Amino acid sequence: AEPPVAMQHLHVADAGAGKTVKAGAKVRLNGLQSRDPEGEALFYAWSQVRGSKVAMLDVNMAEPSFTAPYVSETRTFRFKLRVTDKKGADSVPAYVDVTVEP
């Protein structure tokens, strides 16, 4: 019998290393280190959880991107990544911070 879903730690979301960029720079987030122990294909879901809203492209891909907004002082933007497999089993979310400097 399979363990309950809560016990299945199937996938690990990895949102990559934080980074510091200048306003106006193109920023690429990196979820490529996320993994599924069974080697299943992963589905990505990125969302922004901190900072003024940015227009993210490719939020359902491993490497979404956005243009760092113009800021008057250094600001931190936080993004959340969840991964699921085709069965819909969810990962614990991973977070990454992007610091934007004027």
C-alpha atoms as a PDB file:
ATOM      1  CA  ALA A   1       0.000   0.000   0.000  1.00  0.00           C
ATOM      2  CA  GLU A   2       1.210   3.497  -0.786  1.00  0.00           C
ATOM      3  CA  PRO A   3       1.812   5.814   2.157  1.00  0.00           C
ATOM      4  CA  PRO A   4      -0.626   8.721   2.502  1.00  0.00           C
ATOM      5  CA  VAL A   5       0.194  11.658   0.266  1.00  0.00           C
ATOM      6  CA  ALA A   6       1.382  13.675   3.272  1.00  0.00           C
ATOM      7  CA  MET A   7       4.136  11.093   3.752  1.00  0.00           C
ATOM      8  CA  GLN A   8       5.319  11.130   0.158  1.00  0.00           C
ATOM      9  CA  HIS A   9       8.119  13.634  -0.110  1.00  0.00           C
ATOM     10  CA  LEU A  10       8.370  13.016  -3.804  1.00  0.00           C
ATOM     11  CA  HIS A  11       9.653  16.232  -5.225  1.00  0.00           C
ATOM     12  CA  VAL A  12      11.977  18.866  -4.013  1.00  0.00           C
ATOM     13  CA  ALA A  13      11.433  22.415  -5.234  1.00  0.00           C
ATOM     14  CA  ASP A  14      14.681  24.358  -5.549  1.00  0.00           C
ATOM     15  CA  ALA A  15      14.239  28.028  -6.406  1.00  0.00           C
ATOM     16  CA  GLY A  16      17.961  28.632  -6.901  1.00  0.00           C
ATOM     17  CA  ALA A  17      20.301  31.125  -5.280  1.00  0.00           C
ATOM     18  CA  GLY A  18      19.302  34.655  -4.381  1.00  0.00           C
ATOM     19  CA  LYS A  19      20.797  37.461  -6.422  1.00  0.00           C
ATOM     20  CA  THR A  20      21.310  41.190  -6.467  1.00  0.00           C
ATOM     21  CA  VAL A  21      20.682  43.109  -9.675  1.00  0.00           C
ATOM     22  CA  LYS A  22      20.429  46.679 -10.885  1.00  0.00           C
ATOM     23  CA  ALA A  23      17.077  48.239 -11.782  1.00  0.00           C
ATOM     24  CA  GLY A  24      16.173  47.568 -15.407  1.00  0.00           C
ATOM     25  CA  ALA A  25      18.190  44.331 -15.592  1.00  0.00           C
ATOM     26  CA  LYS A  26      16.636  41.169 -16.975  1.00  0.00           C
ATOM     27  CA  VAL A  27      16.376  38.619 -14.168  1.00  0.00           C
ATOM     28  CA  ARG A  28      16.097  34.880 -14.746  1.00  0.00           C
ATOM     29  CA  LEU A  29      15.040  32.668 -11.854  1.00  0.00           C
ATOM     30  CA  ASN A  30      16.278  29.094 -11.849  1.00  0.00           C
ATOM     31  CA  GLY A  31      14.249  26.092 -10.729  1.00  0.00           C
ATOM     32  CA  LEU A  32      16.303  23.576 -12.697  1.00  0.00           C
ATOM     33  CA  GLN A  33      17.683  21.943  -9.547  1.00  0.00           C
ATOM     34  CA  SER A  34      14.178  20.896  -8.512  1.00  0.00           C
ATOM     35  CA  ARG A  35      13.895  17.141  -8.646  1.00  0.00           C
ATOM     36  CA  ASP A  36      11.651  14.140  -8.494  1.00  0.00           C
ATOM     37  CA  PRO A  37      13.295  10.998  -7.091  1.00  0.00           C
ATOM     38  CA  GLU A  38      11.420   8.842  -9.608  1.00  0.00           C
ATOM     39  CA  GLY A  39      12.660  10.993 -12.482  1.00  0.00           C
ATOM     40  CA  GLU A  40       9.118  12.081 -13.350  1.00  0.00           C
ATOM     41  CA  ALA A  41       8.587  15.244 -15.345  1.00  0.00           C
ATOM     42  CA  LEU A  42       7.923  18.212 -13.095  1.00  0.00           C
ATOM     43  CA  PHE A  43       5.455  21.033 -13.549  1.00  0.00           C
ATOM     44  CA  TYR A  44       6.523  24.414 -12.217  1.00  0.00           C
ATOM     45  CA  ALA A  45       4.430  27.150 -10.628  1.00  0.00           C
ATOM     46  CA  TRP A  46       6.205  30.389  -9.697  1.00  0.00           C
ATOM     47  CA  SER A  47       4.551  33.255  -7.861  1.00  0.00           C
ATOM     48  CA  GLN A  48       5.674  36.499  -6.303  1.00  0.00           C
ATOM     49  CA  VAL A  49       5.177  36.816  -2.563  1.00  0.00           C
ATOM     50  CA  ARG A  50       7.033  40.019  -1.683  1.00  0.00           C
ATOM     51  CA  GLY A  51       7.728  43.361  -3.303  1.00  0.00           C
ATOM     52  CA  SER A  52       5.805  45.498  -5.757  1.00  0.00           C
ATOM     53  CA  LYS A  53       4.332  43.338  -8.497  1.00  0.00           C
ATOM     54  CA  VAL A  54       6.572  42.510 -11.436  1.00  0.00           C
ATOM     55  CA  ALA A  55       5.457  41.053 -14.755  1.00  0.00           C
ATOM     56  CA  MET A  56       6.926  37.562 -14.760  1.00  0.00           C
ATOM     57  CA  LEU A  57       7.221  35.634 -18.004  1.00  0.00           C
ATOM     58  CA  ASP A  58       7.111  31.822 -18.213  1.00  0.00           C
ATOM     59  CA  VAL A  59       5.775  31.282 -14.675  1.00  0.00           C
ATOM     60  CA  ASN A  60       5.104  27.622 -15.514  1.00  0.00           C
ATOM     61  CA  MET A  61       8.631  26.963 -16.768  1.00  0.00           C
ATOM     62  CA  ALA A  62      11.793  26.094 -14.852  1.00  0.00           C
ATOM     63  CA  GLU A  63      13.371  29.474 -15.647  1.00  0.00           C
ATOM     64  CA  PRO A  64      10.911  32.369 -15.576  1.00  0.00           C
ATOM     65  CA  SER A  65      12.155  35.889 -16.101  1.00  0.00           C
ATOM     66  CA  PHE A  66      11.230  39.478 -15.423  1.00  0.00           C
ATOM     67  CA  THR A  67      12.722  42.933 -15.794  1.00  0.00           C
ATOM     68  CA  ALA A  68      13.885  44.373 -12.483  1.00  0.00           C
ATOM     69  CA  PRO A  69      11.719  47.393 -11.725  1.00  0.00           C
ATOM     70  CA  TYR A  70      13.108  50.865 -11.185  1.00  0.00           C
ATOM     71  CA  VAL A  71      13.435  51.528  -7.469  1.00  0.00           C
ATOM     72  CA  SER A  72      14.417  54.643  -5.513  1.00  0.00           C
ATOM     73  CA  GLU A  73      16.140  52.544  -2.863  1.00  0.00           C
ATOM     74  CA  THR A  74      17.252  48.933  -2.562  1.00  0.00           C
ATOM     75  CA  ARG A  75      14.257  46.592  -2.457  1.00  0.00           C
ATOM     76  CA  THR A  76      13.847  42.859  -1.992  1.00  0.00           C
ATOM     77  CA  PHE A  77      11.480  40.822  -4.129  1.00  0.00           C
ATOM     78  CA  ARG A  78      10.633  37.262  -3.056  1.00  0.00           C
ATOM     79  CA  PHE A  79       9.407  34.499  -5.306  1.00  0.00           C
ATOM     80  CA  LYS A  80       7.918  31.131  -4.459  1.00  0.00           C
ATOM     81  CA  LEU A  81       8.290  27.945  -6.475  1.00  0.00           C
ATOM     82  CA  ARG A  82       6.135  24.849  -6.156  1.00  0.00           C
ATOM     83  CA  VAL A  83       6.615  21.774  -8.297  1.00  0.00           C
ATOM     84  CA  THR A  84       4.133  18.989  -8.966  1.00  0.00           C
ATOM     85  CA  ASP A  85       4.262  15.792 -10.979  1.00  0.00           C
ATOM     86  CA  LYS A  86       1.662  14.575 -13.443  1.00  0.00           C
ATOM     87  CA  LYS A  87      -0.233  12.926 -10.579  1.00  0.00           C
ATOM     88  CA  GLY A  88      -0.557  16.347  -8.939  1.00  0.00           C
ATOM     89  CA  ALA A  89       1.520  15.556  -5.851  1.00  0.00           C
ATOM     90  CA  ASP A  90       2.860  18.851  -4.552  1.00  0.00           C
ATOM     91  CA  SER A  91       6.263  19.861  -3.230  1.00  0.00           C
ATOM     92  CA  VAL A  92       7.014  21.951  -0.196  1.00  0.00           C
ATOM     93  CA  PRO A  93       7.447  25.454  -1.631  1.00  0.00           C
ATOM     94  CA  ALA A  94      10.903  26.940  -2.112  1.00  0.00           C
ATOM     95  CA  TYR A  95      11.668  30.652  -1.977  1.00  0.00           C
ATOM     96  CA  VAL A  96      14.273  32.899  -3.533  1.00  0.00           C
ATOM     97  CA  ASP A  97      14.996  36.578  -2.939  1.00  0.00           C
ATOM     98  CA  VAL A  98      16.070  39.020  -5.627  1.00  0.00           C
ATOM     99  CA  THR A  99      17.466  42.308  -4.344  1.00  0.00           C
ATOM    100  CA  VAL A 100      17.083  45.228  -6.752  1.00  0.00           C
ATOM    101  CA  GLU A 101      19.360  48.231  -6.404  1.00  0.00           C
ATOM    102  CA  PRO A 102      18.658  51.660  -7.946  1.00  0.00           C
END
